[in-house]
Amino acid sequence: MNRTAGLILSGLLAIGVVYANGAAGEEEHDPAALARAMPRATATLETGLKASEREGKPISAKFEIEDNDLQLSVYTLKGNDAMEVVEDPQTGAIVKSEKITEDDDLKDAQAQKAAMAGATKSLLAATETAVKENSGFRAVSVFPQLQNGHPVAEVTLLQGANFKKVTEKLD
């Protein structure tokens, strides 16, 4: 009986640790928090993509909540290096630019680089098209991917608290 109770308690503790760690990381991926923060952003994803071009070719961009603050993050390619360009969401000014070295981020950047390799259209152009075709929405992220061997951009749009994903061809 004690062994069974001990196993149950161990299992519950493990679940608690997983839940606590997951909840802490959710801040960055909480759509409701992002929707609440976006009205304070005067910069657009489009202006962020343009500003980041001085740090390389943009391969993805997103508004995100990082350490309880809204930021605009753009991944770029500068030579052979993947860079993260962080911009102020109010001014669009570049706050920092640094080489991506973290394994998960580097893996994401390499996949984005591969998707953009065959692209003839920029992420900026794809984002502008998506916003133009969806009146009243603003872009909050753009990520390239391969779909049936063709590069496409998945653009996430926001209007109020409503998110919408659209796909734009990049070739």
N, C-alpha and C. Protein backbone atom coordinates (compact mmCIF):
# COMPACT_ATOMS: atom_id res chain seq x y z
N MET A 1 0.82 -1.18 0.00
CA MET A 1 0.00 0.00 0.00
C MET A 1 0.88 1.26 0.00
N ASN A 2 1.93 1.29 0.84
CA ASN A 2 2.82 2.45 0.89
C ASN A 2 3.54 2.66 -0.43
N ARG A 3 3.92 1.56 -1.06
CA ARG A 3 4.60 1.67 -2.36
C ARG A 3 3.68 2.29 -3.40
N THR A 4 2.42 1.87 -3.42
CA THR A 4 1.44 2.42 -4.36
C THR A 4 1.23 3.91 -4.09
N ALA A 5 1.09 4.27 -2.84
CA ALA A 5 0.89 5.68 -2.48
C ALA A 5 2.12 6.50 -2.89
N GLY A 6 3.30 5.94 -2.71
CA GLY A 6 4.53 6.64 -3.09
C GLY A 6 4.61 6.85 -4.59
N LEU A 7 4.22 5.83 -5.36
CA LEU A 7 4.23 5.96 -6.82
C LEU A 7 3.22 7.02 -7.29
N ILE A 8 2.06 7.01 -6.67
CA ILE A 8 1.03 8.00 -7.03
C ILE A 8 1.53 9.41 -6.70
N LEU A 9 2.11 9.58 -5.53
CA LEU A 9 2.63 10.89 -5.12
C LEU A 9 3.74 11.34 -6.06
N SER A 10 4.63 10.42 -6.44
CA SER A 10 5.71 10.76 -7.37
C SER A 10 5.15 11.20 -8.72
N GLY A 11 4.14 10.47 -9.17
CA GLY A 11 3.51 10.83 -10.45
C GLY A 11 2.86 12.20 -10.40
N LEU A 12 2.16 12.48 -9.30
CA LEU A 12 1.52 13.79 -9.15
C LEU A 12 2.55 14.90 -9.09
N LEU A 13 3.66 14.67 -8.41
CA LEU A 13 4.72 15.68 -8.35
C LEU A 13 5.32 15.91 -9.73
N ALA A 14 5.53 14.86 -10.48
CA ALA A 14 6.08 15.00 -11.83
C ALA A 14 5.12 15.80 -12.72
N ILE A 15 3.83 15.50 -12.61
CA ILE A 15 2.84 16.25 -13.39
C ILE A 15 2.87 17.71 -12.99
N GLY A 16 2.98 17.99 -11.70
CA GLY A 16 3.03 19.37 -11.21
C GLY A 16 4.23 20.12 -11.75
N VAL A 17 5.39 19.46 -11.80
CA VAL A 17 6.59 20.10 -12.33
C VAL A 17 6.43 20.39 -13.82
N VAL A 18 5.91 19.44 -14.56
CA VAL A 18 5.69 19.64 -16.00
C VAL A 18 4.70 20.78 -16.21
N TYR A 19 3.62 20.80 -15.44
CA TYR A 19 2.61 21.86 -15.60
C TYR A 19 3.21 23.22 -15.25
N ALA A 20 3.97 23.30 -14.17
CA ALA A 20 4.56 24.58 -13.76
C ALA A 20 5.54 25.08 -14.81
N ASN A 21 6.37 24.20 -15.33
CA ASN A 21 7.32 24.61 -16.36
C ASN A 21 6.60 25.03 -17.64
N GLY A 22 5.59 24.30 -18.01
CA GLY A 22 4.82 24.64 -19.20
C GLY A 22 4.12 25.97 -19.03
N ALA A 23 3.54 26.21 -17.87
CA ALA A 23 2.81 27.46 -17.63
C ALA A 23 3.76 28.65 -17.66
N ALA A 24 4.97 28.47 -17.16
CA ALA A 24 5.93 29.58 -17.18
C ALA A 24 6.32 29.94 -18.60
N GLY A 25 6.46 28.94 -19.46
CA GLY A 25 6.84 29.20 -20.84
C GLY A 25 5.69 29.68 -21.71
N GLU A 26 4.46 29.53 -21.23
CA GLU A 26 3.29 29.92 -22.02
C GLU A 26 3.19 31.41 -22.23
N GLU A 27 3.79 32.21 -21.36
CA GLU A 27 3.72 33.66 -21.48
C GLU A 27 4.09 34.10 -22.89
N GLU A 28 5.10 33.46 -23.46
CA GLU A 28 5.59 33.83 -24.78
C GLU A 28 4.61 33.43 -25.88
N HIS A 29 3.78 32.42 -25.63
CA HIS A 29 2.89 31.89 -26.67
C HIS A 29 1.42 32.08 -26.32
N ASP A 30 1.11 33.08 -25.53
CA ASP A 30 -0.26 33.33 -25.10
C ASP A 30 -0.93 34.31 -26.07
N PRO A 31 -1.79 33.80 -26.96
CA PRO A 31 -2.42 34.69 -27.95
C PRO A 31 -3.24 35.81 -27.31
N ALA A 32 -3.92 35.52 -26.20
CA ALA A 32 -4.73 36.56 -25.55
C ALA A 32 -3.86 37.69 -25.04
N ALA A 33 -2.70 37.36 -24.46
CA ALA A 33 -1.78 38.39 -23.97
C ALA A 33 -1.24 39.21 -25.13
N LEU A 34 -0.94 38.56 -26.23
CA LEU A 34 -0.45 39.26 -27.41
C LEU A 34 -1.54 40.21 -27.95
N ALA A 35 -2.76 39.72 -28.03
CA ALA A 35 -3.87 40.56 -28.52
C ALA A 35 -4.08 41.78 -27.62
N ARG A 36 -3.92 41.60 -26.31
CA ARG A 36 -4.07 42.73 -25.37
C ARG A 36 -2.94 43.74 -25.51
N ALA A 37 -1.74 43.27 -25.85
CA ALA A 37 -0.57 44.15 -25.94
C ALA A 37 -0.47 44.88 -27.28
N MET A 38 -1.01 44.31 -28.34
CA MET A 38 -0.82 44.87 -29.68
C MET A 38 -1.33 46.30 -29.88
N PRO A 39 -2.42 46.73 -29.23
CA PRO A 39 -2.84 48.12 -29.45
C PRO A 39 -1.78 49.16 -29.05
N ARG A 40 -0.86 48.79 -28.18
CA ARG A 40 0.22 49.70 -27.77
C ARG A 40 1.32 49.80 -28.82
N ALA A 41 1.34 48.88 -29.77
CA ALA A 41 2.40 48.87 -30.79
C ALA A 41 2.02 49.80 -31.94
N THR A 42 2.84 50.81 -32.15
CA THR A 42 2.61 51.70 -33.29
C THR A 42 3.42 51.23 -34.51
N ALA A 43 4.47 50.47 -34.27
CA ALA A 43 5.23 49.87 -35.38
C ALA A 43 4.39 48.73 -35.96
N THR A 44 4.60 48.45 -37.23
CA THR A 44 3.92 47.33 -37.87
C THR A 44 4.94 46.24 -38.19
N LEU A 45 4.43 45.07 -38.47
CA LEU A 45 5.33 43.99 -38.88
C LEU A 45 6.06 44.39 -40.15
N GLU A 46 5.34 45.10 -41.03
CA GLU A 46 5.93 45.53 -42.29
C GLU A 46 7.10 46.50 -42.06
N THR A 47 6.93 47.48 -41.18
CA THR A 47 8.03 48.41 -40.92
C THR A 47 9.18 47.70 -40.22
N GLY A 48 8.85 46.70 -39.40
CA GLY A 48 9.88 45.90 -38.75
C GLY A 48 10.70 45.10 -39.74
N LEU A 49 10.03 44.52 -40.73
CA LEU A 49 10.75 43.79 -41.77
C LEU A 49 11.66 44.73 -42.55
N LYS A 50 11.17 45.92 -42.88
CA LYS A 50 11.99 46.90 -43.62
C LYS A 50 13.21 47.32 -42.81
N ALA A 51 12.99 47.65 -41.53
CA ALA A 51 14.10 48.12 -40.67
C ALA A 51 15.16 47.04 -40.51
N SER A 52 14.75 45.79 -40.44
CA SER A 52 15.71 44.70 -40.20
C SER A 52 16.58 44.40 -41.41
N GLU A 53 16.20 44.90 -42.58
CA GLU A 53 16.98 44.62 -43.80
C GLU A 53 18.42 45.09 -43.70
N ARG A 54 18.68 46.10 -42.88
CA ARG A 54 20.07 46.56 -42.72
C ARG A 54 20.92 45.53 -41.96
N GLU A 55 20.24 44.57 -41.31
CA GLU A 55 20.94 43.52 -40.57
C GLU A 55 20.91 42.18 -41.31
N GLY A 56 20.47 42.19 -42.57
CA GLY A 56 20.44 40.97 -43.36
C GLY A 56 19.08 40.77 -44.01
N LYS A 57 18.93 39.64 -44.69
CA LYS A 57 17.68 39.30 -45.38
C LYS A 57 16.70 38.69 -44.37
N PRO A 58 15.51 39.31 -44.18
CA PRO A 58 14.54 38.76 -43.24
C PRO A 58 14.04 37.38 -43.67
N ILE A 59 14.01 36.44 -42.70
CA ILE A 59 13.51 35.10 -42.97
C ILE A 59 12.32 34.74 -42.08
N SER A 60 11.97 35.59 -41.12
CA SER A 60 10.75 35.44 -40.33
C SER A 60 10.62 36.67 -39.44
N ALA A 61 9.40 36.89 -38.95
CA ALA A 61 9.19 38.03 -38.06
C ALA A 61 7.96 37.76 -37.20
N LYS A 62 7.99 38.26 -35.96
CA LYS A 62 6.83 38.10 -35.10
C LYS A 62 6.84 39.12 -33.97
N PHE A 63 5.65 39.53 -33.59
CA PHE A 63 5.47 40.23 -32.34
C PHE A 63 5.34 39.14 -31.30
N GLU A 64 5.93 39.34 -30.12
CA GLU A 64 5.85 38.34 -29.06
C GLU A 64 5.94 39.01 -27.70
N ILE A 65 5.48 38.29 -26.70
CA ILE A 65 5.62 38.74 -25.33
C ILE A 65 6.86 38.05 -24.77
N GLU A 66 7.84 38.83 -24.40
CA GLU A 66 9.10 38.31 -23.86
C GLU A 66 9.35 39.02 -22.54
N ASP A 67 9.44 38.27 -21.45
CA ASP A 67 9.64 38.84 -20.11
C ASP A 67 8.57 39.90 -19.81
N ASN A 68 7.33 39.59 -20.13
CA ASN A 68 6.16 40.45 -19.90
C ASN A 68 6.15 41.73 -20.72
N ASP A 69 7.03 41.86 -21.71
CA ASP A 69 7.06 43.03 -22.57
C ASP A 69 6.84 42.61 -24.02
N LEU A 70 6.12 43.47 -24.75
CA LEU A 70 5.92 43.24 -26.17
C LEU A 70 7.19 43.61 -26.91
N GLN A 71 7.59 42.76 -27.85
CA GLN A 71 8.74 43.08 -28.70
C GLN A 71 8.47 42.55 -30.09
N LEU A 72 9.20 43.09 -31.03
CA LEU A 72 9.15 42.64 -32.42
C LEU A 72 10.49 41.97 -32.71
N SER A 73 10.43 40.71 -33.07
CA SER A 73 11.63 39.92 -33.32
C SER A 73 11.66 39.49 -34.78
N VAL A 74 12.76 39.78 -35.45
CA VAL A 74 12.93 39.41 -36.87
C VAL A 74 14.21 38.58 -36.99
N TYR A 75 14.09 37.41 -37.60
CA TYR A 75 15.26 36.61 -37.91
C TYR A 75 15.73 37.03 -39.30
N THR A 76 17.05 37.21 -39.43
CA THR A 76 17.63 37.58 -40.71
C THR A 76 18.83 36.68 -41.02
N LEU A 77 19.22 36.68 -42.27
CA LEU A 77 20.46 36.02 -42.68
C LEU A 77 21.45 37.09 -43.08
N LYS A 78 22.60 37.08 -42.45
CA LYS A 78 23.67 38.02 -42.77
C LYS A 78 24.89 37.18 -43.11
N GLY A 79 25.14 37.05 -44.40
CA GLY A 79 26.20 36.13 -44.83
C GLY A 79 25.74 34.72 -44.50
N ASN A 80 26.55 33.97 -43.78
CA ASN A 80 26.17 32.62 -43.36
C ASN A 80 25.57 32.59 -41.96
N ASP A 81 25.47 33.75 -41.33
CA ASP A 81 24.98 33.81 -39.95
C ASP A 81 23.49 34.12 -39.89
N ALA A 82 22.82 33.41 -38.99
CA ALA A 82 21.43 33.72 -38.67
C ALA A 82 21.46 34.71 -37.52
N MET A 83 20.71 35.79 -37.67
CA MET A 83 20.69 36.86 -36.67
C MET A 83 19.27 37.05 -36.15
N GLU A 84 19.17 37.47 -34.88
CA GLU A 84 17.88 37.91 -34.35
C GLU A 84 17.97 39.41 -34.16
N VAL A 85 17.05 40.11 -34.79
CA VAL A 85 16.97 41.56 -34.68
C VAL A 85 15.74 41.86 -33.82
N VAL A 86 15.95 42.51 -32.69
CA VAL A 86 14.85 42.87 -31.80
C VAL A 86 14.59 44.35 -31.94
N GLU A 87 13.30 44.67 -32.17
CA GLU A 87 12.92 46.06 -32.40
C GLU A 87 11.90 46.52 -31.37
N ASP A 88 11.92 47.80 -31.09
CA ASP A 88 10.96 48.43 -30.18
C ASP A 88 9.61 48.46 -30.88
N PRO A 89 8.54 47.91 -30.27
CA PRO A 89 7.24 47.86 -30.93
C PRO A 89 6.56 49.24 -31.06
N GLN A 90 7.03 50.22 -30.31
CA GLN A 90 6.45 51.56 -30.42
C GLN A 90 7.13 52.37 -31.52
N THR A 91 8.44 52.28 -31.60
CA THR A 91 9.18 53.12 -32.54
C THR A 91 9.66 52.37 -33.77
N GLY A 92 9.78 51.07 -33.68
CA GLY A 92 10.35 50.28 -34.77
C GLY A 92 11.86 50.32 -34.80
N ALA A 93 12.47 51.05 -33.87
CA ALA A 93 13.94 51.16 -33.82
C ALA A 93 14.55 49.83 -33.37
N ILE A 94 15.69 49.50 -33.95
CA ILE A 94 16.40 48.28 -33.58
C ILE A 94 17.02 48.47 -32.19
N VAL A 95 16.65 47.56 -31.29
CA VAL A 95 17.15 47.59 -29.92
C VAL A 95 18.44 46.78 -29.81
N LYS A 96 18.45 45.63 -30.49
CA LYS A 96 19.67 44.80 -30.50
C LYS A 96 19.62 43.87 -31.69
N SER A 97 20.80 43.43 -32.08
CA SER A 97 20.96 42.47 -33.15
C SER A 97 22.07 41.53 -32.72
N GLU A 98 21.76 40.24 -32.69
CA GLU A 98 22.78 39.29 -32.26
C GLU A 98 22.69 37.99 -33.04
N LYS A 99 23.82 37.33 -33.14
CA LYS A 99 23.90 36.05 -33.83
C LYS A 99 23.10 35.02 -33.04
N ILE A 100 22.34 34.20 -33.76
CA ILE A 100 21.55 33.14 -33.12
C ILE A 100 22.47 31.97 -32.84
N THR A 101 22.53 31.54 -31.58
CA THR A 101 23.39 30.43 -31.20
C THR A 101 22.63 29.33 -30.46
N GLU A 102 21.46 29.64 -29.92
CA GLU A 102 20.68 28.65 -29.17
C GLU A 102 20.16 27.59 -30.14
N ASP A 103 20.29 26.31 -29.75
CA ASP A 103 19.99 25.20 -30.65
C ASP A 103 18.60 25.26 -31.29
N ASP A 104 17.53 25.44 -30.48
CA ASP A 104 16.17 25.46 -31.03
C ASP A 104 15.97 26.62 -31.99
N ASP A 105 16.47 27.81 -31.62
CA ASP A 105 16.33 28.98 -32.48
C ASP A 105 17.13 28.80 -33.76
N LEU A 106 18.32 28.23 -33.64
CA LEU A 106 19.17 27.99 -34.81
C LEU A 106 18.51 26.98 -35.76
N LYS A 107 17.88 25.96 -35.20
CA LYS A 107 17.17 24.96 -36.00
C LYS A 107 16.01 25.63 -36.75
N ASP A 108 15.26 26.49 -36.06
CA ASP A 108 14.16 27.23 -36.70
C ASP A 108 14.69 28.11 -37.83
N ALA A 109 15.77 28.82 -37.57
CA ALA A 109 16.36 29.72 -38.58
C ALA A 109 16.83 28.93 -39.81
N GLN A 110 17.40 27.75 -39.60
CA GLN A 110 17.87 26.94 -40.73
C GLN A 110 16.69 26.46 -41.58
N ALA A 111 15.59 26.08 -40.94
CA ALA A 111 14.39 25.66 -41.67
C ALA A 111 13.80 26.84 -42.46
N GLN A 112 13.82 28.02 -41.84
CA GLN A 112 13.31 29.22 -42.52
C GLN A 112 14.21 29.59 -43.70
N LYS A 113 15.51 29.44 -43.51
CA LYS A 113 16.47 29.71 -44.59
C LYS A 113 16.21 28.77 -45.77
N ALA A 114 15.99 27.50 -45.48
CA ALA A 114 15.72 26.52 -46.53
C ALA A 114 14.42 26.85 -47.27
N ALA A 115 13.40 27.27 -46.55
CA ALA A 115 12.12 27.63 -47.18
C ALA A 115 12.27 28.87 -48.06
N MET A 116 13.11 29.80 -47.65
CA MET A 116 13.30 31.04 -48.41
C MET A 116 14.24 30.87 -49.61
N ALA A 117 14.96 29.75 -49.65
CA ALA A 117 15.95 29.54 -50.72
C ALA A 117 15.33 29.63 -52.12
N GLY A 118 14.12 29.13 -52.28
CA GLY A 118 13.48 29.15 -53.60
C GLY A 118 12.48 30.29 -53.77
N ALA A 119 12.44 31.20 -52.81
CA ALA A 119 11.46 32.29 -52.87
C ALA A 119 11.89 33.37 -53.85
N THR A 120 10.94 33.85 -54.63
CA THR A 120 11.20 34.98 -55.52
C THR A 120 10.49 36.23 -55.01
N LYS A 121 9.67 36.06 -54.00
CA LYS A 121 8.92 37.16 -53.39
C LYS A 121 9.39 37.28 -51.93
N SER A 122 9.52 38.50 -51.44
CA SER A 122 10.00 38.71 -50.08
C SER A 122 8.89 38.49 -49.05
N LEU A 123 9.28 38.30 -47.81
CA LEU A 123 8.31 38.20 -46.72
C LEU A 123 7.54 39.51 -46.57
N LEU A 124 8.23 40.63 -46.82
CA LEU A 124 7.57 41.93 -46.75
C LEU A 124 6.43 42.01 -47.77
N ALA A 125 6.71 41.61 -49.01
CA ALA A 125 5.68 41.66 -50.06
C ALA A 125 4.52 40.72 -49.71
N ALA A 126 4.82 39.54 -49.21
CA ALA A 126 3.77 38.59 -48.83
C ALA A 126 2.91 39.15 -47.70
N THR A 127 3.56 39.78 -46.72
CA THR A 127 2.83 40.36 -45.60
C THR A 127 1.95 41.51 -46.06
N GLU A 128 2.49 42.37 -46.91
CA GLU A 128 1.70 43.50 -47.43
C GLU A 128 0.47 43.01 -48.19
N THR A 129 0.64 41.96 -48.97
CA THR A 129 -0.49 41.39 -49.72
C THR A 129 -1.55 40.85 -48.76
N ALA A 130 -1.12 40.11 -47.74
CA ALA A 130 -2.06 39.53 -46.78
C ALA A 130 -2.86 40.61 -46.06
N VAL A 131 -2.18 41.69 -45.65
CA VAL A 131 -2.85 42.78 -44.94
C VAL A 131 -3.83 43.50 -45.87
N LYS A 132 -3.39 43.72 -47.11
CA LYS A 132 -4.24 44.42 -48.08
C LYS A 132 -5.52 43.63 -48.38
N GLU A 133 -5.39 42.30 -48.43
CA GLU A 133 -6.53 41.45 -48.76
C GLU A 133 -7.43 41.16 -47.55
N ASN A 134 -7.05 41.62 -46.37
CA ASN A 134 -7.81 41.36 -45.15
C ASN A 134 -8.00 42.67 -44.39
N SER A 135 -8.86 43.49 -44.92
CA SER A 135 -9.11 44.82 -44.38
C SER A 135 -9.45 44.78 -42.89
N GLY A 136 -8.82 45.68 -42.14
CA GLY A 136 -9.07 45.77 -40.70
C GLY A 136 -8.15 44.91 -39.86
N PHE A 137 -7.39 44.03 -40.48
CA PHE A 137 -6.45 43.17 -39.76
C PHE A 137 -5.05 43.76 -39.86
N ARG A 138 -4.22 43.41 -38.88
CA ARG A 138 -2.80 43.76 -38.94
C ARG A 138 -1.99 42.49 -38.78
N ALA A 139 -0.84 42.44 -39.41
CA ALA A 139 0.03 41.26 -39.34
C ALA A 139 0.77 41.24 -38.01
N VAL A 140 0.80 40.05 -37.38
CA VAL A 140 1.56 39.90 -36.14
C VAL A 140 2.70 38.89 -36.27
N SER A 141 2.69 38.09 -37.36
CA SER A 141 3.84 37.21 -37.61
C SER A 141 3.83 36.75 -39.05
N VAL A 142 5.01 36.38 -39.52
CA VAL A 142 5.15 35.79 -40.85
C VAL A 142 6.29 34.77 -40.77
N PHE A 143 6.00 33.55 -41.24
CA PHE A 143 6.97 32.47 -41.23
C PHE A 143 6.94 31.75 -42.57
N PRO A 144 8.09 31.55 -43.19
CA PRO A 144 8.13 30.79 -44.44
C PRO A 144 8.14 29.29 -44.17
N GLN A 145 7.65 28.55 -45.13
CA GLN A 145 7.69 27.10 -45.06
C GLN A 145 7.55 26.54 -46.47
N LEU A 146 7.88 25.28 -46.61
CA LEU A 146 7.70 24.62 -47.90
C LEU A 146 6.37 23.89 -47.87
N GLN A 147 5.58 24.08 -48.92
CA GLN A 147 4.28 23.42 -49.04
C GLN A 147 4.23 22.79 -50.43
N ASN A 148 4.21 21.47 -50.47
CA ASN A 148 4.25 20.74 -51.75
C ASN A 148 5.45 21.17 -52.60
N GLY A 149 6.58 21.38 -51.94
CA GLY A 149 7.81 21.74 -52.62
C GLY A 149 7.93 23.21 -53.01
N HIS A 150 6.93 24.03 -52.68
CA HIS A 150 6.95 25.45 -53.01
C HIS A 150 7.03 26.30 -51.74
N PRO A 151 7.81 27.39 -51.80
CA PRO A 151 7.89 28.26 -50.62
C PRO A 151 6.61 29.10 -50.48
N VAL A 152 6.10 29.14 -49.26
CA VAL A 152 4.94 29.96 -48.93
C VAL A 152 5.22 30.67 -47.61
N ALA A 153 4.46 31.72 -47.37
CA ALA A 153 4.56 32.44 -46.11
C ALA A 153 3.25 32.27 -45.36
N GLU A 154 3.32 31.84 -44.13
CA GLU A 154 2.14 31.80 -43.27
C GLU A 154 2.11 33.11 -42.49
N VAL A 155 1.10 33.91 -42.76
CA VAL A 155 0.97 35.22 -42.13
C VAL A 155 -0.16 35.14 -41.11
N THR A 156 0.15 35.47 -39.86
CA THR A 156 -0.88 35.52 -38.83
C THR A 156 -1.34 36.96 -38.70
N LEU A 157 -2.65 37.14 -38.79
CA LEU A 157 -3.27 38.47 -38.73
C LEU A 157 -4.09 38.59 -37.47
N LEU A 158 -4.27 39.82 -37.01
CA LEU A 158 -5.03 40.08 -35.79
C LEU A 158 -5.96 41.26 -36.02
N GLN A 159 -7.20 41.09 -35.56
CA GLN A 159 -8.17 42.18 -35.53
C GLN A 159 -8.87 42.08 -34.19
N GLY A 160 -8.63 43.06 -33.30
CA GLY A 160 -9.16 42.97 -31.95
C GLY A 160 -8.54 41.79 -31.22
N ALA A 161 -9.37 40.80 -30.88
CA ALA A 161 -8.87 39.59 -30.23
C ALA A 161 -8.94 38.39 -31.16
N ASN A 162 -9.26 38.62 -32.43
CA ASN A 162 -9.43 37.54 -33.40
C ASN A 162 -8.19 37.36 -34.27
N PHE A 163 -7.66 36.15 -34.24
CA PHE A 163 -6.51 35.80 -35.06
C PHE A 163 -6.97 35.06 -36.30
N LYS A 164 -6.22 35.23 -37.37
CA LYS A 164 -6.52 34.58 -38.64
C LYS A 164 -5.19 34.27 -39.32
N LYS A 165 -5.05 33.06 -39.87
CA LYS A 165 -3.83 32.70 -40.59
C LYS A 165 -4.15 32.60 -42.07
N VAL A 166 -3.29 33.21 -42.88
CA VAL A 166 -3.42 33.12 -44.33
C VAL A 166 -2.07 32.69 -44.91
N THR A 167 -2.14 32.09 -46.07
CA THR A 167 -0.93 31.62 -46.74
C THR A 167 -0.75 32.39 -48.03
N GLU A 168 0.46 32.91 -48.24
CA GLU A 168 0.81 33.64 -49.45
C GLU A 168 1.95 32.93 -50.15
N LYS A 169 1.84 32.80 -51.46
CA LYS A 169 2.91 32.16 -52.25
C LYS A 169 4.14 33.05 -52.27
N LEU A 170 5.30 32.42 -52.24
CA LEU A 170 6.56 33.16 -52.31
C LEU A 170 7.30 32.91 -53.62
N ASP A 171 6.71 32.12 -54.53
CA ASP A 171 7.34 31.88 -55.84
C ASP A 171 6.38 32.17 -56.97
